[in-house]
Amino acid sequence: MDHATPNLPSRDFEATFQFYASLGFQARWRDEGWMILTRGSIDLEFFLHPHLDPATSWFSCCLRLEDLDAFYATCLAENIPEATQGVPRTHKPVIDSNGLRMGALIDPDGTLIRLIQNDHE
């Protein structure tokens, strides 16, 4: 089952909401200092960090997905480029040295979101 509850930075809640809404997330909670977005069984929680520099952000999390390809296709359909620089961007899923099939999404605030295919073997 997909599951994540990371606490991630947002320079601007409305911009963060719009970005993630385009990927199928819905608002579950929002006040002046906290926002929770949900997509299926995935919850992403955001705190305000208005002075964050996306180029130097070190925030990250993993989303373990039942269908990595479908989520990645959604990212590409929303015109998030496959690139090595800039935000937002994606990195195409590959099989890493540990045998995990993994891609990445870097959001507009520079947060690295590892996209990992669930393994049921």
N, C-alpha and C. Protein backbone atom coordinates (compact mmCIF):
# COMPACT_ATOMS: atom_id res chain seq x y z
N MET A 1 0.84 -1.18 0.00
CA MET A 1 0.00 0.00 0.00
C MET A 1 0.89 1.25 0.00
N ASP A 2 0.53 2.26 -0.77
CA ASP A 2 1.25 3.53 -0.77
C ASP A 2 1.09 4.19 0.60
N HIS A 3 2.17 4.73 1.12
CA HIS A 3 2.05 5.39 2.42
C HIS A 3 3.24 6.33 2.64
N ALA A 4 2.96 7.56 3.04
CA ALA A 4 4.00 8.52 3.41
C ALA A 4 3.38 9.61 4.27
N THR A 5 4.12 10.05 5.27
CA THR A 5 3.66 11.18 6.08
C THR A 5 4.84 12.11 6.40
N PRO A 6 5.58 12.54 5.38
CA PRO A 6 6.70 13.44 5.64
C PRO A 6 6.23 14.85 5.95
N ASN A 7 7.11 15.61 6.59
CA ASN A 7 6.88 17.03 6.85
C ASN A 7 7.83 17.80 5.95
N LEU A 8 7.29 18.55 5.01
CA LEU A 8 8.07 19.18 3.96
C LEU A 8 7.89 20.70 3.97
N PRO A 9 8.87 21.43 3.46
CA PRO A 9 8.76 22.89 3.44
C PRO A 9 7.95 23.40 2.25
N SER A 10 7.34 24.54 2.46
CA SER A 10 6.63 25.24 1.40
C SER A 10 6.90 26.73 1.54
N ARG A 11 7.37 27.34 0.48
CA ARG A 11 7.56 28.80 0.51
C ARG A 11 6.23 29.52 0.44
N ASP A 12 5.24 28.88 -0.18
CA ASP A 12 3.93 29.50 -0.39
C ASP A 12 2.90 28.38 -0.50
N PHE A 13 1.99 28.30 0.46
CA PHE A 13 1.02 27.21 0.47
C PHE A 13 0.19 27.14 -0.80
N GLU A 14 -0.25 28.27 -1.33
CA GLU A 14 -1.09 28.22 -2.52
C GLU A 14 -0.33 27.67 -3.72
N ALA A 15 0.92 28.09 -3.91
CA ALA A 15 1.73 27.56 -5.01
C ALA A 15 1.99 26.07 -4.83
N THR A 16 2.28 25.67 -3.60
CA THR A 16 2.50 24.24 -3.32
C THR A 16 1.23 23.45 -3.60
N PHE A 17 0.09 23.95 -3.13
CA PHE A 17 -1.17 23.28 -3.38
C PHE A 17 -1.42 23.12 -4.88
N GLN A 18 -1.25 24.17 -5.64
CA GLN A 18 -1.51 24.12 -7.09
C GLN A 18 -0.62 23.08 -7.77
N PHE A 19 0.66 23.02 -7.39
CA PHE A 19 1.58 22.06 -7.98
C PHE A 19 1.12 20.63 -7.68
N TYR A 20 0.88 20.33 -6.42
CA TYR A 20 0.51 18.97 -6.04
C TYR A 20 -0.90 18.60 -6.48
N ALA A 21 -1.81 19.58 -6.55
CA ALA A 21 -3.15 19.30 -7.05
C ALA A 21 -3.09 18.82 -8.50
N SER A 22 -2.16 19.35 -9.27
CA SER A 22 -2.01 18.91 -10.66
C SER A 22 -1.57 17.45 -10.75
N LEU A 23 -1.02 16.91 -9.65
CA LEU A 23 -0.59 15.52 -9.60
C LEU A 23 -1.60 14.62 -8.88
N GLY A 24 -2.78 15.17 -8.61
CA GLY A 24 -3.86 14.38 -8.03
C GLY A 24 -4.03 14.48 -6.53
N PHE A 25 -3.30 15.38 -5.87
CA PHE A 25 -3.45 15.55 -4.43
C PHE A 25 -4.60 16.50 -4.13
N GLN A 26 -5.25 16.26 -2.99
CA GLN A 26 -6.35 17.11 -2.54
C GLN A 26 -6.01 17.67 -1.17
N ALA A 27 -6.56 18.84 -0.87
CA ALA A 27 -6.33 19.45 0.45
C ALA A 27 -7.14 18.70 1.50
N ARG A 28 -6.49 18.32 2.57
CA ARG A 28 -7.18 17.72 3.72
C ARG A 28 -7.23 18.68 4.90
N TRP A 29 -6.21 19.52 5.04
CA TRP A 29 -6.15 20.48 6.15
C TRP A 29 -5.29 21.65 5.72
N ARG A 30 -5.68 22.84 6.14
CA ARG A 30 -4.84 24.00 5.89
C ARG A 30 -5.21 25.10 6.87
N ASP A 31 -4.18 25.64 7.52
CA ASP A 31 -4.35 26.86 8.30
C ASP A 31 -3.16 27.75 7.99
N GLU A 32 -2.86 28.72 8.83
CA GLU A 32 -1.80 29.68 8.54
C GLU A 32 -0.40 29.07 8.53
N GLY A 33 -0.21 27.96 9.23
CA GLY A 33 1.14 27.42 9.37
C GLY A 33 1.32 25.97 8.97
N TRP A 34 0.23 25.30 8.56
CA TRP A 34 0.34 23.87 8.26
C TRP A 34 -0.64 23.51 7.16
N MET A 35 -0.23 22.59 6.30
CA MET A 35 -1.11 22.12 5.23
C MET A 35 -0.88 20.62 5.03
N ILE A 36 -1.97 19.88 4.87
CA ILE A 36 -1.88 18.45 4.61
C ILE A 36 -2.58 18.18 3.27
N LEU A 37 -1.85 17.53 2.37
CA LEU A 37 -2.39 17.14 1.08
C LEU A 37 -2.42 15.62 1.00
N THR A 38 -3.46 15.08 0.35
CA THR A 38 -3.68 13.64 0.29
C THR A 38 -3.91 13.19 -1.14
N ARG A 39 -3.33 12.05 -1.45
CA ARG A 39 -3.57 11.37 -2.74
C ARG A 39 -3.65 9.88 -2.43
N GLY A 40 -4.86 9.33 -2.46
CA GLY A 40 -5.03 7.93 -2.05
C GLY A 40 -4.61 7.78 -0.60
N SER A 41 -3.68 6.88 -0.35
CA SER A 41 -3.21 6.65 1.02
C SER A 41 -1.96 7.46 1.36
N ILE A 42 -1.56 8.37 0.49
CA ILE A 42 -0.36 9.20 0.73
C ILE A 42 -0.78 10.54 1.32
N ASP A 43 -0.16 10.89 2.44
CA ASP A 43 -0.33 12.21 3.04
C ASP A 43 1.01 12.92 2.98
N LEU A 44 1.01 14.15 2.49
CA LEU A 44 2.18 15.03 2.54
C LEU A 44 1.81 16.21 3.42
N GLU A 45 2.62 16.47 4.43
CA GLU A 45 2.36 17.58 5.35
C GLU A 45 3.39 18.66 5.09
N PHE A 46 2.93 19.91 5.01
CA PHE A 46 3.79 21.04 4.68
C PHE A 46 3.76 22.09 5.78
N PHE A 47 4.92 22.66 6.06
CA PHE A 47 5.05 23.78 6.97
C PHE A 47 5.60 24.96 6.17
N LEU A 48 5.24 26.17 6.59
CA LEU A 48 5.72 27.35 5.89
C LEU A 48 7.21 27.57 6.14
N HIS A 49 7.92 27.85 5.05
CA HIS A 49 9.36 28.13 5.10
C HIS A 49 9.62 29.16 3.99
N PRO A 50 9.13 30.40 4.18
CA PRO A 50 9.13 31.39 3.10
C PRO A 50 10.51 31.80 2.60
N HIS A 51 11.55 31.60 3.39
CA HIS A 51 12.89 32.03 2.96
C HIS A 51 13.74 30.88 2.43
N LEU A 52 13.14 29.73 2.21
CA LEU A 52 13.86 28.57 1.68
C LEU A 52 14.40 28.88 0.29
N ASP A 53 15.65 28.50 0.05
CA ASP A 53 16.26 28.60 -1.28
C ASP A 53 16.17 27.21 -1.91
N PRO A 54 15.34 27.03 -2.95
CA PRO A 54 15.19 25.71 -3.57
C PRO A 54 16.51 25.12 -4.06
N ALA A 55 17.45 25.95 -4.44
CA ALA A 55 18.73 25.46 -4.96
C ALA A 55 19.60 24.82 -3.87
N THR A 56 19.35 25.16 -2.62
CA THR A 56 20.16 24.60 -1.53
C THR A 56 19.34 23.74 -0.58
N SER A 57 18.07 23.48 -0.91
CA SER A 57 17.21 22.67 -0.05
C SER A 57 17.76 21.26 0.08
N TRP A 58 17.72 20.73 1.28
CA TRP A 58 18.17 19.36 1.54
C TRP A 58 17.01 18.47 1.99
N PHE A 59 15.79 18.97 1.91
CA PHE A 59 14.62 18.20 2.32
C PHE A 59 14.33 17.08 1.31
N SER A 60 13.88 15.94 1.82
CA SER A 60 13.55 14.82 0.94
C SER A 60 12.59 13.85 1.63
N CYS A 61 11.99 12.99 0.83
CA CYS A 61 11.17 11.90 1.34
C CYS A 61 11.06 10.84 0.25
N CYS A 62 10.48 9.72 0.61
CA CYS A 62 10.23 8.63 -0.35
C CYS A 62 8.73 8.39 -0.44
N LEU A 63 8.25 8.21 -1.65
CA LEU A 63 6.90 7.72 -1.87
C LEU A 63 7.04 6.32 -2.43
N ARG A 64 6.53 5.34 -1.71
CA ARG A 64 6.55 3.95 -2.18
C ARG A 64 5.21 3.70 -2.84
N LEU A 65 5.27 3.46 -4.14
CA LEU A 65 4.07 3.47 -4.98
C LEU A 65 3.73 2.09 -5.53
N GLU A 66 2.44 1.79 -5.58
CA GLU A 66 1.98 0.57 -6.22
C GLU A 66 2.19 0.63 -7.72
N ASP A 67 2.06 1.82 -8.31
CA ASP A 67 2.23 1.97 -9.76
C ASP A 67 3.10 3.20 -10.05
N LEU A 68 4.39 3.00 -9.94
CA LEU A 68 5.36 4.07 -10.19
C LEU A 68 5.18 4.65 -11.58
N ASP A 69 4.98 3.79 -12.58
CA ASP A 69 4.87 4.28 -13.96
C ASP A 69 3.68 5.22 -14.14
N ALA A 70 2.55 4.91 -13.51
CA ALA A 70 1.38 5.77 -13.65
C ALA A 70 1.63 7.13 -13.00
N PHE A 71 2.24 7.14 -11.81
CA PHE A 71 2.51 8.42 -11.15
C PHE A 71 3.52 9.23 -11.96
N TYR A 72 4.54 8.57 -12.47
CA TYR A 72 5.55 9.26 -13.27
C TYR A 72 4.93 9.82 -14.55
N ALA A 73 4.04 9.06 -15.17
CA ALA A 73 3.35 9.54 -16.37
C ALA A 73 2.52 10.78 -16.06
N THR A 74 1.91 10.83 -14.88
CA THR A 74 1.16 12.01 -14.46
C THR A 74 2.09 13.22 -14.38
N CYS A 75 3.27 13.03 -13.80
CA CYS A 75 4.25 14.12 -13.72
C CYS A 75 4.59 14.64 -15.11
N LEU A 76 4.87 13.73 -16.04
CA LEU A 76 5.23 14.14 -17.40
C LEU A 76 4.06 14.81 -18.10
N ALA A 77 2.84 14.31 -17.87
CA ALA A 77 1.65 14.91 -18.48
C ALA A 77 1.42 16.33 -18.00
N GLU A 78 1.93 16.65 -16.81
CA GLU A 78 1.81 18.01 -16.27
C GLU A 78 3.01 18.87 -16.67
N ASN A 79 3.76 18.39 -17.65
CA ASN A 79 4.89 19.13 -18.22
C ASN A 79 6.01 19.40 -17.23
N ILE A 80 6.19 18.50 -16.28
CA ILE A 80 7.35 18.59 -15.39
C ILE A 80 8.49 17.92 -16.15
N PRO A 81 9.53 18.65 -16.48
CA PRO A 81 10.55 18.10 -17.37
C PRO A 81 11.45 17.06 -16.72
N GLU A 82 11.96 16.14 -17.55
CA GLU A 82 13.07 15.28 -17.15
C GLU A 82 14.31 16.13 -17.36
N ALA A 83 15.00 16.47 -16.28
CA ALA A 83 16.15 17.37 -16.38
C ALA A 83 17.10 17.10 -15.23
N THR A 84 18.31 17.62 -15.34
CA THR A 84 19.30 17.47 -14.27
C THR A 84 19.44 18.74 -13.44
N GLN A 85 18.80 19.80 -13.87
CA GLN A 85 18.86 21.06 -13.13
C GLN A 85 17.49 21.73 -13.17
N GLY A 86 17.29 22.66 -12.23
CA GLY A 86 16.06 23.44 -12.19
C GLY A 86 14.98 22.77 -11.35
N VAL A 87 13.98 23.55 -11.02
CA VAL A 87 12.82 23.05 -10.27
C VAL A 87 11.56 23.62 -10.91
N PRO A 88 10.51 22.84 -10.95
CA PRO A 88 10.45 21.42 -10.65
C PRO A 88 11.09 20.61 -11.78
N ARG A 89 11.38 19.34 -11.50
CA ARG A 89 11.91 18.44 -12.52
C ARG A 89 11.69 17.00 -12.08
N THR A 90 11.90 16.08 -13.02
CA THR A 90 11.80 14.66 -12.73
C THR A 90 13.09 13.97 -13.16
N HIS A 91 13.27 12.77 -12.62
CA HIS A 91 14.34 11.87 -13.04
C HIS A 91 13.67 10.54 -13.36
N LYS A 92 13.91 10.05 -14.56
CA LYS A 92 13.27 8.83 -15.06
C LYS A 92 13.56 7.63 -14.15
N PRO A 93 12.55 6.80 -13.91
CA PRO A 93 12.77 5.60 -13.09
C PRO A 93 13.79 4.65 -13.71
N VAL A 94 14.67 4.14 -12.86
CA VAL A 94 15.68 3.15 -13.25
C VAL A 94 15.80 2.14 -12.11
N ILE A 95 16.47 1.05 -12.38
CA ILE A 95 16.75 0.08 -11.32
C ILE A 95 18.10 0.46 -10.73
N ASP A 96 18.12 0.73 -9.41
CA ASP A 96 19.35 1.17 -8.76
C ASP A 96 20.21 -0.02 -8.34
N SER A 97 21.34 0.25 -7.73
CA SER A 97 22.30 -0.80 -7.36
C SER A 97 21.74 -1.77 -6.33
N ASN A 98 20.68 -1.39 -5.62
CA ASN A 98 20.05 -2.29 -4.64
C ASN A 98 18.90 -3.09 -5.23
N GLY A 99 18.66 -2.90 -6.52
CA GLY A 99 17.56 -3.61 -7.18
C GLY A 99 16.22 -2.93 -7.09
N LEU A 100 16.17 -1.74 -6.48
CA LEU A 100 14.92 -0.98 -6.40
C LEU A 100 14.69 -0.23 -7.70
N ARG A 101 13.45 -0.21 -8.14
CA ARG A 101 13.09 0.63 -9.28
C ARG A 101 12.67 1.97 -8.71
N MET A 102 13.42 3.02 -9.09
CA MET A 102 13.23 4.31 -8.45
C MET A 102 13.42 5.45 -9.45
N GLY A 103 12.57 6.45 -9.33
CA GLY A 103 12.70 7.71 -10.06
C GLY A 103 12.68 8.83 -9.04
N ALA A 104 12.53 10.06 -9.52
CA ALA A 104 12.51 11.18 -8.59
C ALA A 104 11.67 12.32 -9.15
N LEU A 105 11.14 13.08 -8.22
CA LEU A 105 10.43 14.33 -8.49
C LEU A 105 11.06 15.36 -7.58
N ILE A 106 11.49 16.47 -8.13
CA ILE A 106 11.97 17.59 -7.32
C ILE A 106 10.90 18.67 -7.46
N ASP A 107 10.31 19.05 -6.33
CA ASP A 107 9.18 19.98 -6.37
C ASP A 107 9.67 21.43 -6.49
N PRO A 108 8.77 22.39 -6.63
CA PRO A 108 9.17 23.79 -6.82
C PRO A 108 9.97 24.38 -5.66
N ASP A 109 9.91 23.76 -4.49
CA ASP A 109 10.68 24.24 -3.34
C ASP A 109 12.01 23.50 -3.19
N GLY A 110 12.35 22.65 -4.16
CA GLY A 110 13.62 21.94 -4.15
C GLY A 110 13.62 20.65 -3.36
N THR A 111 12.46 20.21 -2.88
CA THR A 111 12.37 18.96 -2.13
C THR A 111 12.52 17.78 -3.07
N LEU A 112 13.43 16.86 -2.73
CA LEU A 112 13.63 15.63 -3.48
C LEU A 112 12.63 14.59 -3.00
N ILE A 113 11.78 14.12 -3.92
CA ILE A 113 10.82 13.09 -3.60
C ILE A 113 11.20 11.86 -4.40
N ARG A 114 11.74 10.86 -3.69
CA ARG A 114 12.10 9.60 -4.35
C ARG A 114 10.82 8.82 -4.62
N LEU A 115 10.67 8.37 -5.84
CA LEU A 115 9.51 7.61 -6.27
C LEU A 115 9.94 6.16 -6.40
N ILE A 116 9.47 5.29 -5.51
CA ILE A 116 9.95 3.92 -5.44
C ILE A 116 8.80 2.95 -5.71
N GLN A 117 9.02 2.02 -6.63
CA GLN A 117 8.03 0.99 -6.92
C GLN A 117 7.97 0.01 -5.76
N ASN A 118 6.77 -0.20 -5.21
CA ASN A 118 6.59 -1.22 -4.18
C ASN A 118 6.98 -2.58 -4.73
N ASP A 119 7.66 -3.36 -3.91
CA ASP A 119 8.08 -4.71 -4.28
C ASP A 119 7.31 -5.69 -3.41
N HIS A 120 6.59 -6.58 -4.07
CA HIS A 120 5.75 -7.52 -3.31
C HIS A 120 6.27 -8.94 -3.36
N GLU A 121 7.53 -9.13 -3.69
CA GLU A 121 8.10 -10.49 -3.75
C GLU A 121 8.42 -11.01 -2.39
